[in-house]
Amino acid sequence: MSPLSFPRSVVSPSNRFYILNGLPEREAQAGGRTRDDMLDGILAQAPASYAETRAQVQHIACPDPAAFHAAISRIQADAHAGARPLVFVHGHGDSEKGLQLASGAFIGWPAYLEALNAVTLAAAGELTVIAAFCQSMAIVPLLPSTAPLPFAFYYGYDHEVSAGTVEDETAALYQAFLKDGGQSVGSLPATLKSHSEYDHVAPALAQLCALWAAPAVVAQAVPALSKRSVRRHVEARLIANGERPQRVGETVKAAFRSEAVLEQVVAQFMHDTERRQQVIGGLLRWRDQRPPVSSPTASNTRSRVP
């Protein structure tokens, strides 16, 4: 049986680039270099007037929380008007306190994620974040377990790293994004981490594939997901509503393999974008290769899904 597959990307579609510079004055030139590199990259790929290109790359000083939230509101308004943002964040990070700005004040991780989520919702699920500061991956344990992420793609660091390393690695990343949509990124350096919608939805995809290919394994691991348990629950609900439970088994069996259920599950983890439709299409193709079987091959099933 072929492995589950679907087209994958490493960056969301972006047509506007925002550099939120929260570094103190002595370090703030890093934001200017990021802006200049992005301008050069855009001009190299799609020659246009410098003024037009400059409008695509916004370098916004964020020395304090008020300036940071004003920048988020600005990006959010642009996204409502059709912009698809890539947000680059310069600053310092603390694993417990969050993003530190030039004033010394912090944007706590919950507020930071709320800000990113506001942009993502305004941009119809299309947001890539390059968090160019130490400890920026401390957000991962705080992400929702069964809701779409507050971004599509997120790149950052899970420990302290030198400013030179951050600048070099993140520059190589966004230059690849500008050059060919990230196809030339290859494997990330060991220091630079990523988290995306694909990582977020992977456990759910594994469960769905197991339900179709090895339902006995899933029923043993999660009894509430067994067809017998679901059938009894449906029958009880029908009887409580004064209805006769007829052909419930066939209905439950069909529901486990229905496209509607599949779409509902994936929608809990991914925004409504082309990426989500590609994931659903890959699942449908995988499902239709064979009917579900009762004999488990759990290790094989898990090795075939992301």
C-alpha atoms as a PDB file:
ATOM      1  CA  MET A   1       0.000   0.000   0.000  1.00  0.00           C
ATOM      2  CA  SER A   2       1.377   3.426  -0.934  1.00  0.00           C
ATOM      3  CA  PRO A   3       2.220   5.861   1.861  1.00  0.00           C
ATOM      4  CA  LEU A   4      -0.006   8.832   2.565  1.00  0.00           C
ATOM      5  CA  SER A   5       1.205  11.724   0.435  1.00  0.00           C
ATOM      6  CA  PHE A   6       0.135  15.204  -0.585  1.00  0.00           C
ATOM      7  CA  PRO A   7       1.902  18.370  -1.822  1.00  0.00           C
ATOM      8  CA  ARG A   8       3.769  20.190   0.931  1.00  0.00           C
ATOM      9  CA  SER A   9       5.128  23.687   1.214  1.00  0.00           C
ATOM     10  CA  VAL A  10       7.475  25.331   3.697  1.00  0.00           C
ATOM     11  CA  VAL A  11       6.058  28.850   3.541  1.00  0.00           C
ATOM     12  CA  SER A  12       2.606  30.355   3.049  1.00  0.00           C
ATOM     13  CA  PRO A  13       1.836  32.517   0.004  1.00  0.00           C
ATOM     14  CA  SER A  14       3.200  35.985   0.861  1.00  0.00           C
ATOM     15  CA  ASN A  15       3.048  39.308  -0.924  1.00  0.00           C
ATOM     16  CA  ARG A  16       3.872  41.670   1.931  1.00  0.00           C
ATOM     17  CA  PHE A  17       6.832  41.482   4.323  1.00  0.00           C
ATOM     18  CA  TYR A  18       6.951  43.031   7.774  1.00  0.00           C
ATOM     19  CA  ILE A  19      10.059  43.346   9.921  1.00  0.00           C
ATOM     20  CA  LEU A  20       9.093  44.018  13.527  1.00  0.00           C
ATOM     21  CA  ASN A  21      12.265  45.337  15.097  1.00  0.00           C
ATOM     22  CA  GLY A  22      12.228  45.114  18.874  1.00  0.00           C
ATOM     23  CA  LEU A  23      16.005  45.240  19.324  1.00  0.00           C
ATOM     24  CA  PRO A  24      17.699  47.967  21.389  1.00  0.00           C
ATOM     25  CA  GLU A  25      19.374  50.783  19.447  1.00  0.00           C
ATOM     26  CA  ARG A  26      22.858  49.283  19.584  1.00  0.00           C
ATOM     27  CA  GLU A  27      21.587  46.147  17.806  1.00  0.00           C
ATOM     28  CA  ALA A  28      18.760  47.572  15.728  1.00  0.00           C
ATOM     29  CA  GLN A  29      20.802  47.701  12.518  1.00  0.00           C
ATOM     30  CA  ALA A  30      20.039  43.985  12.098  1.00  0.00           C
ATOM     31  CA  GLY A  31      16.480  44.939  11.166  1.00  0.00           C
ATOM     32  CA  GLY A  32      17.754  47.324   8.525  1.00  0.00           C
ATOM     33  CA  ARG A  33      19.921  44.632   7.000  1.00  0.00           C
ATOM     34  CA  THR A  34      16.932  42.290   6.893  1.00  0.00           C
ATOM     35  CA  ARG A  35      14.922  44.967   5.076  1.00  0.00           C
ATOM     36  CA  ASP A  36      17.696  45.611   2.548  1.00  0.00           C
ATOM     37  CA  ASP A  37      18.208  41.884   1.905  1.00  0.00           C
ATOM     38  CA  MET A  38      14.471  41.394   1.324  1.00  0.00           C
ATOM     39  CA  LEU A  39      14.359  44.346  -1.063  1.00  0.00           C
ATOM     40  CA  ASP A  40      17.299  42.939  -3.031  1.00  0.00           C
ATOM     41  CA  GLY A  41      15.711  39.494  -3.131  1.00  0.00           C
ATOM     42  CA  ILE A  42      12.360  40.774  -4.381  1.00  0.00           C
ATOM     43  CA  LEU A  43      13.965  42.990  -7.025  1.00  0.00           C
ATOM     44  CA  ALA A  44      16.105  40.094  -8.229  1.00  0.00           C
ATOM     45  CA  GLN A  45      13.103  37.821  -8.734  1.00  0.00           C
ATOM     46  CA  ALA A  46      10.509  40.267 -10.039  1.00  0.00           C
ATOM     47  CA  PRO A  47      12.087  43.496 -11.290  1.00  0.00           C
ATOM     48  CA  ALA A  48       9.903  46.509 -10.583  1.00  0.00           C
ATOM     49  CA  SER A  49      10.374  50.071  -9.463  1.00  0.00           C
ATOM     50  CA  TYR A  50      12.204  50.503  -6.193  1.00  0.00           C
ATOM     51  CA  ALA A  51       9.255  52.494  -4.820  1.00  0.00           C
ATOM     52  CA  GLU A  52       6.809  49.659  -5.555  1.00  0.00           C
ATOM     53  CA  THR A  53       9.115  47.097  -3.996  1.00  0.00           C
ATOM     54  CA  ARG A  54       9.772  49.288  -0.972  1.00  0.00           C
ATOM     55  CA  ALA A  55       6.025  49.331  -0.300  1.00  0.00           C
ATOM     56  CA  GLN A  56       6.081  45.536  -0.029  1.00  0.00           C
ATOM     57  CA  VAL A  57       8.717  45.517   2.735  1.00  0.00           C
ATOM     58  CA  GLN A  58       7.777  47.348   5.908  1.00  0.00           C
ATOM     59  CA  HIS A  59      10.403  47.869   8.623  1.00  0.00           C
ATOM     60  CA  ILE A  60       8.571  48.812  11.826  1.00  0.00           C
ATOM     61  CA  ALA A  61      10.316  49.799  15.035  1.00  0.00           C
ATOM     62  CA  CYS A  62       8.713  48.099  18.050  1.00  0.00           C
ATOM     63  CA  PRO A  63      10.575  49.445  21.100  1.00  0.00           C
ATOM     64  CA  ASP A  64       7.701  48.838  23.514  1.00  0.00           C
ATOM     65  CA  PRO A  65       4.434  46.870  23.780  1.00  0.00           C
ATOM     66  CA  ALA A  66       2.313  49.761  22.489  1.00  0.00           C
ATOM     67  CA  ALA A  67       4.395  49.958  19.309  1.00  0.00           C
ATOM     68  CA  PHE A  68       4.318  46.178  18.910  1.00  0.00           C
ATOM     69  CA  HIS A  69       0.534  45.979  19.161  1.00  0.00           C
ATOM     70  CA  ALA A  70       0.159  48.973  16.833  1.00  0.00           C
ATOM     71  CA  ALA A  71       2.297  47.120  14.286  1.00  0.00           C
ATOM     72  CA  ILE A  72       0.117  44.020  14.648  1.00  0.00           C
ATOM     73  CA  SER A  73      -3.013  46.125  14.087  1.00  0.00           C
ATOM     74  CA  ARG A  74      -1.425  47.603  10.975  1.00  0.00           C
ATOM     75  CA  ILE A  75      -0.577  44.166   9.575  1.00  0.00           C
ATOM     76  CA  GLN A  76      -4.052  42.920  10.465  1.00  0.00           C
ATOM     77  CA  ALA A  77      -5.661  45.820   8.576  1.00  0.00           C
ATOM     78  CA  ASP A  78      -3.459  45.155   5.529  1.00  0.00           C
ATOM     79  CA  ALA A  79      -4.391  41.466   5.660  1.00  0.00           C
ATOM     80  CA  HIS A  80      -8.095  42.328   5.705  1.00  0.00           C
ATOM     81  CA  ALA A  81      -7.398  44.385   2.570  1.00  0.00           C
ATOM     82  CA  GLY A  82      -5.821  41.393   0.816  1.00  0.00           C
ATOM     83  CA  ALA A  83      -2.179  41.322   1.931  1.00  0.00           C
ATOM     84  CA  ARG A  84      -0.668  37.934   2.707  1.00  0.00           C
ATOM     85  CA  PRO A  85       2.043  38.631   5.267  1.00  0.00           C
ATOM     86  CA  LEU A  86       5.381  37.154   6.156  1.00  0.00           C
ATOM     87  CA  VAL A  87       6.342  38.537   9.569  1.00  0.00           C
ATOM     88  CA  PHE A  88       9.972  38.700  10.689  1.00  0.00           C
ATOM     89  CA  VAL A  89      10.491  39.424  14.389  1.00  0.00           C
ATOM     90  CA  HIS A  90      13.766  40.813  15.778  1.00  0.00           C
ATOM     91  CA  GLY A  91      14.160  40.948  19.538  1.00  0.00           C
ATOM     92  CA  HIS A  92      15.290  38.938  22.528  1.00  0.00           C
ATOM     93  CA  GLY A  93      13.462  36.073  24.158  1.00  0.00           C
ATOM     94  CA  ASP A  94      12.987  34.479  27.533  1.00  0.00           C
ATOM     95  CA  SER A  95      11.553  30.973  27.780  1.00  0.00           C
ATOM     96  CA  GLU A  96       9.203  32.019  30.575  1.00  0.00           C
ATOM     97  CA  LYS A  97       8.551  35.729  30.026  1.00  0.00           C
ATOM     98  CA  GLY A  98       8.229  35.921  26.246  1.00  0.00           C
ATOM     99  CA  LEU A  99       9.511  38.398  23.651  1.00  0.00           C
ATOM    100  CA  GLN A 100      11.622  41.205  25.124  1.00  0.00           C
ATOM    101  CA  LEU A 101      11.559  44.581  23.372  1.00  0.00           C
ATOM    102  CA  ALA A 102      14.076  47.432  23.422  1.00  0.00           C
ATOM    103  CA  SER A 103      12.393  49.096  26.404  1.00  0.00           C
ATOM    104  CA  GLY A 104      13.006  45.971  28.463  1.00  0.00           C
ATOM    105  CA  ALA A 105       9.293  45.177  28.578  1.00  0.00           C
ATOM    106  CA  PHE A 106       8.033  41.774  27.519  1.00  0.00           C
ATOM    107  CA  ILE A 107       5.241  40.621  25.271  1.00  0.00           C
ATOM    108  CA  GLY A 108       4.181  37.509  27.198  1.00  0.00           C
ATOM    109  CA  TRP A 109       3.790  34.328  25.186  1.00  0.00           C
ATOM    110  CA  PRO A 110      -0.031  34.256  25.435  1.00  0.00           C
ATOM    111  CA  ALA A 111      -0.248  37.857  24.157  1.00  0.00           C
ATOM    112  CA  TYR A 112       2.327  37.092  21.471  1.00  0.00           C
ATOM    113  CA  LEU A 113       0.312  34.110  20.221  1.00  0.00           C
ATOM    114  CA  GLU A 114      -2.905  36.108  20.383  1.00  0.00           C
ATOM    115  CA  ALA A 115      -1.311  38.780  18.194  1.00  0.00           C
ATOM    116  CA  LEU A 116      -0.153  36.234  15.617  1.00  0.00           C
ATOM    117  CA  ASN A 117      -3.557  34.598  15.629  1.00  0.00           C
ATOM    118  CA  ALA A 118      -5.254  37.926  14.918  1.00  0.00           C
ATOM    119  CA  VAL A 119      -3.065  38.361  11.834  1.00  0.00           C
ATOM    120  CA  THR A 120      -3.617  34.776  10.701  1.00  0.00           C
ATOM    121  CA  LEU A 121      -7.398  35.075  10.915  1.00  0.00           C
ATOM    122  CA  ALA A 122      -7.290  38.355   8.990  1.00  0.00           C
ATOM    123  CA  ALA A 123      -5.069  36.729   6.354  1.00  0.00           C
ATOM    124  CA  ALA A 124      -7.387  33.727   5.834  1.00  0.00           C
ATOM    125  CA  GLY A 125      -4.927  31.313   7.430  1.00  0.00           C
ATOM    126  CA  GLU A 126      -1.878  32.492   5.488  1.00  0.00           C
ATOM    127  CA  LEU A 127       0.931  33.605   7.794  1.00  0.00           C
ATOM    128  CA  THR A 128       4.600  32.653   8.004  1.00  0.00           C
ATOM    129  CA  VAL A 129       6.593  33.888  10.996  1.00  0.00           C
ATOM    130  CA  ILE A 130      10.382  33.982  11.260  1.00  0.00           C
ATOM    131  CA  ALA A 131      11.031  34.537  14.961  1.00  0.00           C
ATOM    132  CA  ALA A 132      14.674  35.655  14.907  1.00  0.00           C
ATOM    133  CA  PHE A 133      15.318  35.618  18.617  1.00  0.00           C
ATOM    134  CA  CYS A 134      16.415  33.177  21.307  1.00  0.00           C
ATOM    135  CA  GLN A 135      13.842  30.888  22.949  1.00  0.00           C
ATOM    136  CA  SER A 136      11.202  31.754  20.347  1.00  0.00           C
ATOM    137  CA  MET A 137      10.130  28.101  20.116  1.00  0.00           C
ATOM    138  CA  ALA A 138       9.016  28.225  23.754  1.00  0.00           C
ATOM    139  CA  ILE A 139       5.541  28.799  22.311  1.00  0.00           C
ATOM    140  CA  VAL A 140       5.155  25.208  21.098  1.00  0.00           C
ATOM    141  CA  PRO A 141       3.882  23.723  24.395  1.00  0.00           C
ATOM    142  CA  LEU A 142       1.372  26.590  24.587  1.00  0.00           C
ATOM    143  CA  LEU A 143      -0.205  25.952  21.187  1.00  0.00           C
ATOM    144  CA  PRO A 144      -3.813  24.700  21.001  1.00  0.00           C
ATOM    145  CA  SER A 145      -4.227  20.937  20.885  1.00  0.00           C
ATOM    146  CA  THR A 146      -7.395  20.745  18.772  1.00  0.00           C
ATOM    147  CA  ALA A 147      -7.727  24.082  17.009  1.00  0.00           C
ATOM    148  CA  PRO A 148      -5.875  25.637  14.067  1.00  0.00           C
ATOM    149  CA  LEU A 149      -2.519  27.199  14.872  1.00  0.00           C
ATOM    150  CA  PRO A 150      -2.034  30.975  15.177  1.00  0.00           C
ATOM    151  CA  PHE A 151       0.122  30.762  12.035  1.00  0.00           C
ATOM    152  CA  ALA A 152       0.721  28.447   9.108  1.00  0.00           C
ATOM    153  CA  PHE A 153       4.514  28.182   9.403  1.00  0.00           C
ATOM    154  CA  TYR A 154       6.782  29.271  12.247  1.00  0.00           C
ATOM    155  CA  TYR A 155      10.592  29.289  12.385  1.00  0.00           C
ATOM    156  CA  GLY A 156      12.648  30.045  15.476  1.00  0.00           C
ATOM    157  CA  TYR A 157      15.031  28.862  18.172  1.00  0.00           C
ATOM    158  CA  ASP A 158      14.556  26.715  21.254  1.00  0.00           C
ATOM    159  CA  HIS A 159      17.666  27.898  23.096  1.00  0.00           C
ATOM    160  CA  GLU A 160      20.146  30.771  23.270  1.00  0.00           C
ATOM    161  CA  VAL A 161      22.090  31.389  20.076  1.00  0.00           C
ATOM    162  CA  SER A 162      24.474  34.102  18.907  1.00  0.00           C
ATOM    163  CA  ALA A 163      23.153  37.127  17.041  1.00  0.00           C
ATOM    164  CA  GLY A 164      25.420  36.304  14.094  1.00  0.00           C
ATOM    165  CA  THR A 165      24.037  32.785  13.817  1.00  0.00           C
ATOM    166  CA  VAL A 166      20.448  34.048  13.954  1.00  0.00           C
ATOM    167  CA  GLU A 167      21.122  36.645  11.276  1.00  0.00           C
ATOM    168  CA  ASP A 168      22.920  34.230   8.931  1.00  0.00           C
ATOM    169  CA  GLU A 169      20.434  31.373   9.284  1.00  0.00           C
ATOM    170  CA  THR A 170      17.264  33.407   9.036  1.00  0.00           C
ATOM    171  CA  ALA A 171      18.663  35.376   6.081  1.00  0.00           C
ATOM    172  CA  ALA A 172      19.293  32.119   4.208  1.00  0.00           C
ATOM    173  CA  LEU A 173      15.731  31.078   5.019  1.00  0.00           C
ATOM    174  CA  TYR A 174      13.891  34.136   3.716  1.00  0.00           C
ATOM    175  CA  GLN A 175      16.202  34.401   0.720  1.00  0.00           C
ATOM    176  CA  ALA A 176      15.114  30.882  -0.264  1.00  0.00           C
ATOM    177  CA  PHE A 177      11.483  31.878   0.249  1.00  0.00           C
ATOM    178  CA  LEU A 178      11.924  34.855  -2.074  1.00  0.00           C
ATOM    179  CA  LYS A 179      13.927  32.908  -4.643  1.00  0.00           C
ATOM    180  CA  ASP A 180      11.721  29.890  -5.242  1.00  0.00           C
ATOM    181  CA  GLY A 181       9.063  29.643  -2.565  1.00  0.00           C
ATOM    182  CA  GLY A 182      11.427  27.746  -0.281  1.00  0.00           C
ATOM    183  CA  GLN A 183      12.187  24.835  -2.619  1.00  0.00           C
ATOM    184  CA  SER A 184      15.907  25.478  -2.128  1.00  0.00           C
ATOM    185  CA  VAL A 185      15.708  25.542   1.679  1.00  0.00           C
ATOM    186  CA  GLY A 186      16.736  21.903   2.044  1.00  0.00           C
ATOM    187  CA  SER A 187      17.245  20.700   5.611  1.00  0.00           C
ATOM    188  CA  LEU A 188      17.308  23.375   8.289  1.00  0.00           C
ATOM    189  CA  PRO A 189      20.445  23.956  10.375  1.00  0.00           C
ATOM    190  CA  ALA A 190      20.336  22.051  13.655  1.00  0.00           C
ATOM    191  CA  THR A 191      19.881  25.292  15.567  1.00  0.00           C
ATOM    192  CA  LEU A 192      16.907  26.594  13.553  1.00  0.00           C
ATOM    193  CA  LYS A 193      13.584  24.890  14.313  1.00  0.00           C
ATOM    194  CA  SER A 194      10.186  24.930  12.679  1.00  0.00           C
ATOM    195  CA  HIS A 195       6.584  24.147  13.526  1.00  0.00           C
ATOM    196  CA  SER A 196       3.779  24.154  11.003  1.00  0.00           C
ATOM    197  CA  GLU A 197       0.228  23.070  10.286  1.00  0.00           C
ATOM    198  CA  TYR A 198       1.647  19.797   8.957  1.00  0.00           C
ATOM    199  CA  ASP A 199       3.237  19.028  12.333  1.00  0.00           C
ATOM    200  CA  HIS A 200       0.018  20.010  14.078  1.00  0.00           C
ATOM    201  CA  VAL A 201      -2.278  17.773  12.023  1.00  0.00           C
ATOM    202  CA  ALA A 202       0.064  14.751  11.817  1.00  0.00           C
ATOM    203  CA  PRO A 203      -1.269  12.904  14.915  1.00  0.00           C
ATOM    204  CA  ALA A 204      -4.845  13.259  13.647  1.00  0.00           C
ATOM    205  CA  LEU A 205      -3.820  11.906  10.232  1.00  0.00           C
ATOM    206  CA  ALA A 206      -2.226   8.907  11.907  1.00  0.00           C
ATOM    207  CA  GLN A 207      -5.440   8.227  13.841  1.00  0.00           C
ATOM    208  CA  LEU A 208      -7.580   8.490  10.704  1.00  0.00           C
ATOM    209  CA  CYS A 209      -5.351   6.153   8.747  1.00  0.00           C
ATOM    210  CA  ALA A 210      -5.379   3.675  11.610  1.00  0.00           C
ATOM    211  CA  LEU A 211      -9.188   3.808  11.787  1.00  0.00           C
ATOM    212  CA  TRP A 212      -9.369   2.790   8.131  1.00  0.00           C
ATOM    213  CA  ALA A 213      -6.495   0.327   7.925  1.00  0.00           C
ATOM    214  CA  ALA A 214      -6.351  -1.136  11.447  1.00  0.00           C
ATOM    215  CA  PRO A 215      -9.506  -0.279  13.391  1.00  0.00           C
ATOM    216  CA  ALA A 216      -8.843  -3.026  15.940  1.00  0.00           C
ATOM    217  CA  VAL A 217      -5.635  -1.278  16.999  1.00  0.00           C
ATOM    218  CA  VAL A 218      -7.421   2.018  17.538  1.00  0.00           C
ATOM    219  CA  ALA A 219     -10.292   0.358  19.404  1.00  0.00           C
ATOM    220  CA  GLN A 220      -7.811  -1.302  21.753  1.00  0.00           C
ATOM    221  CA  ALA A 221      -5.872   1.924  22.348  1.00  0.00           C
ATOM    222  CA  VAL A 222      -8.938   4.201  22.530  1.00  0.00           C
ATOM    223  CA  PRO A 223     -12.055   2.101  23.342  1.00  0.00           C
ATOM    224  CA  ALA A 224     -14.342   5.097  22.791  1.00  0.00           C
ATOM    225  CA  LEU A 225     -13.350   5.024  19.114  1.00  0.00           C
ATOM    226  CA  SER A 226     -14.378   1.412  18.540  1.00  0.00           C
ATOM    227  CA  LYS A 227     -17.305   0.874  16.195  1.00  0.00           C
ATOM    228  CA  ARG A 228     -19.124  -1.050  18.939  1.00  0.00           C
ATOM    229  CA  SER A 229     -18.792   1.838  21.387  1.00  0.00           C
ATOM    230  CA  VAL A 230     -19.898   4.392  18.819  1.00  0.00           C
ATOM    231  CA  ARG A 231     -22.831   2.177  17.760  1.00  0.00           C
ATOM    232  CA  ARG A 232     -24.045   1.805  21.343  1.00  0.00           C
ATOM    233  CA  HIS A 233     -23.808   5.566  21.839  1.00  0.00           C
ATOM    234  CA  VAL A 234     -25.822   6.235  18.669  1.00  0.00           C
ATOM    235  CA  GLU A 235     -28.433   3.628  19.593  1.00  0.00           C
ATOM    236  CA  ALA A 236     -28.850   5.129  23.062  1.00  0.00           C
ATOM    237  CA  ARG A 237     -29.313   8.595  21.604  1.00  0.00           C
ATOM    238  CA  LEU A 238     -31.909   7.357  19.118  1.00  0.00           C
ATOM    239  CA  ILE A 239     -33.875   5.539  21.820  1.00  0.00           C
ATOM    240  CA  ALA A 240     -33.739   8.622  24.068  1.00  0.00           C
ATOM    241  CA  ASN A 241     -35.230  10.613  21.209  1.00  0.00           C
ATOM    242  CA  GLY A 242     -38.030   8.085  20.749  1.00  0.00           C
ATOM    243  CA  GLU A 243     -36.636   6.706  17.482  1.00  0.00           C
ATOM    244  CA  ARG A 244     -36.047   3.081  16.454  1.00  0.00           C
ATOM    245  CA  PRO A 245     -32.355   2.208  16.074  1.00  0.00           C
ATOM    246  CA  GLN A 246     -32.320   0.550  12.656  1.00  0.00           C
ATOM    247  CA  ARG A 247     -29.235  -0.296  10.588  1.00  0.00           C
ATOM    248  CA  VAL A 248     -27.079   1.612  13.040  1.00  0.00           C
ATOM    249  CA  GLY A 249     -24.072  -0.633  12.448  1.00  0.00           C
ATOM    250  CA  GLU A 250     -23.988   0.081   8.718  1.00  0.00           C
ATOM    251  CA  THR A 251     -24.446   3.788   9.358  1.00  0.00           C
ATOM    252  CA  VAL A 252     -21.564   3.902  11.834  1.00  0.00           C
ATOM    253  CA  LYS A 253     -19.316   1.906   9.513  1.00  0.00           C
ATOM    254  CA  ALA A 254     -20.011   4.326   6.662  1.00  0.00           C
ATOM    255  CA  ALA A 255     -19.497   7.335   8.920  1.00  0.00           C
ATOM    256  CA  PHE A 256     -16.029   6.165   9.895  1.00  0.00           C
ATOM    257  CA  ARG A 257     -15.027   6.358   6.225  1.00  0.00           C
ATOM    258  CA  SER A 258     -17.090   9.359   5.164  1.00  0.00           C
ATOM    259  CA  GLU A 259     -15.531  12.399   3.547  1.00  0.00           C
ATOM    260  CA  ALA A 260     -17.586  14.661   5.824  1.00  0.00           C
ATOM    261  CA  VAL A 261     -16.060  13.166   8.969  1.00  0.00           C
ATOM    262  CA  LEU A 262     -12.597  13.374   7.465  1.00  0.00           C
ATOM    263  CA  GLU A 263     -13.072  17.047   6.590  1.00  0.00           C
ATOM    264  CA  GLN A 264     -14.398  17.836  10.064  1.00  0.00           C
ATOM    265  CA  VAL A 265     -11.380  16.216  11.701  1.00  0.00           C
ATOM    266  CA  VAL A 266      -8.806  18.001   9.527  1.00  0.00           C
ATOM    267  CA  ALA A 267     -10.646  21.324   9.941  1.00  0.00           C
ATOM    268  CA  GLN A 268      -9.963  21.127  13.682  1.00  0.00           C
ATOM    269  CA  PHE A 269      -6.242  21.450  12.967  1.00  0.00           C
ATOM    270  CA  MET A 270      -5.857  23.441   9.747  1.00  0.00           C
ATOM    271  CA  HIS A 271      -7.167  26.737   8.418  1.00  0.00           C
ATOM    272  CA  ASP A 272      -9.328  26.692   5.297  1.00  0.00           C
ATOM    273  CA  THR A 273      -6.570  27.040   2.711  1.00  0.00           C
ATOM    274  CA  GLU A 274      -5.358  25.167  -0.343  1.00  0.00           C
ATOM    275  CA  ARG A 275      -3.016  23.234   1.982  1.00  0.00           C
ATOM    276  CA  ARG A 276      -6.001  21.821   3.868  1.00  0.00           C
ATOM    277  CA  GLN A 277      -7.656  20.701   0.645  1.00  0.00           C
ATOM    278  CA  GLN A 278      -4.433  19.006  -0.441  1.00  0.00           C
ATOM    279  CA  VAL A 279      -4.246  17.119   2.851  1.00  0.00           C
ATOM    280  CA  ILE A 280      -7.875  16.007   2.510  1.00  0.00           C
ATOM    281  CA  GLY A 281      -7.261  14.935  -1.086  1.00  0.00           C
ATOM    282  CA  GLY A 282      -4.267  12.850  -0.018  1.00  0.00           C
ATOM    283  CA  LEU A 283      -6.305  11.195   2.728  1.00  0.00           C
ATOM    284  CA  LEU A 284      -9.135  10.331   0.345  1.00  0.00           C
ATOM    285  CA  ARG A 285      -6.713   8.759  -2.124  1.00  0.00           C
ATOM    286  CA  TRP A 286      -5.084   6.760   0.693  1.00  0.00           C
ATOM    287  CA  ARG A 287      -8.449   5.651   2.084  1.00  0.00           C
ATOM    288  CA  ASP A 288      -9.710   4.469  -1.274  1.00  0.00           C
ATOM    289  CA  GLN A 289      -6.753   2.171  -1.935  1.00  0.00           C
ATOM    290  CA  ARG A 290      -8.398  -0.589   0.123  1.00  0.00           C
ATOM    291  CA  PRO A 291     -11.239  -1.144   2.590  1.00  0.00           C
ATOM    292  CA  PRO A 292     -10.473  -1.207   6.309  1.00  0.00           C
ATOM    293  CA  VAL A 293      -9.261  -4.494   7.771  1.00  0.00           C
ATOM    294  CA  SER A 294      -9.652  -5.954  11.218  1.00  0.00           C
ATOM    295  CA  SER A 295      -6.144  -7.371  11.593  1.00  0.00           C
ATOM    296  CA  PRO A 296      -3.753  -4.702  12.888  1.00  0.00           C
ATOM    297  CA  THR A 297      -0.442  -3.671  11.357  1.00  0.00           C
ATOM    298  CA  ALA A 298       0.101  -0.729  13.636  1.00  0.00           C
ATOM    299  CA  SER A 299       3.818  -0.209  13.163  1.00  0.00           C
ATOM    300  CA  ASN A 300       3.490  -0.249   9.380  1.00  0.00           C
ATOM    301  CA  THR A 301       0.585   2.181   9.457  1.00  0.00           C
ATOM    302  CA  ARG A 302       2.431   4.647  11.654  1.00  0.00           C
ATOM    303  CA  SER A 303       5.519   4.509   9.432  1.00  0.00           C
ATOM    304  CA  ARG A 304       3.477   5.511   6.432  1.00  0.00           C
ATOM    305  CA  VAL A 305       1.978   8.702   7.756  1.00  0.00           C
ATOM    306  CA  PRO A 306       3.744  11.948   8.604  1.00  0.00           C
END
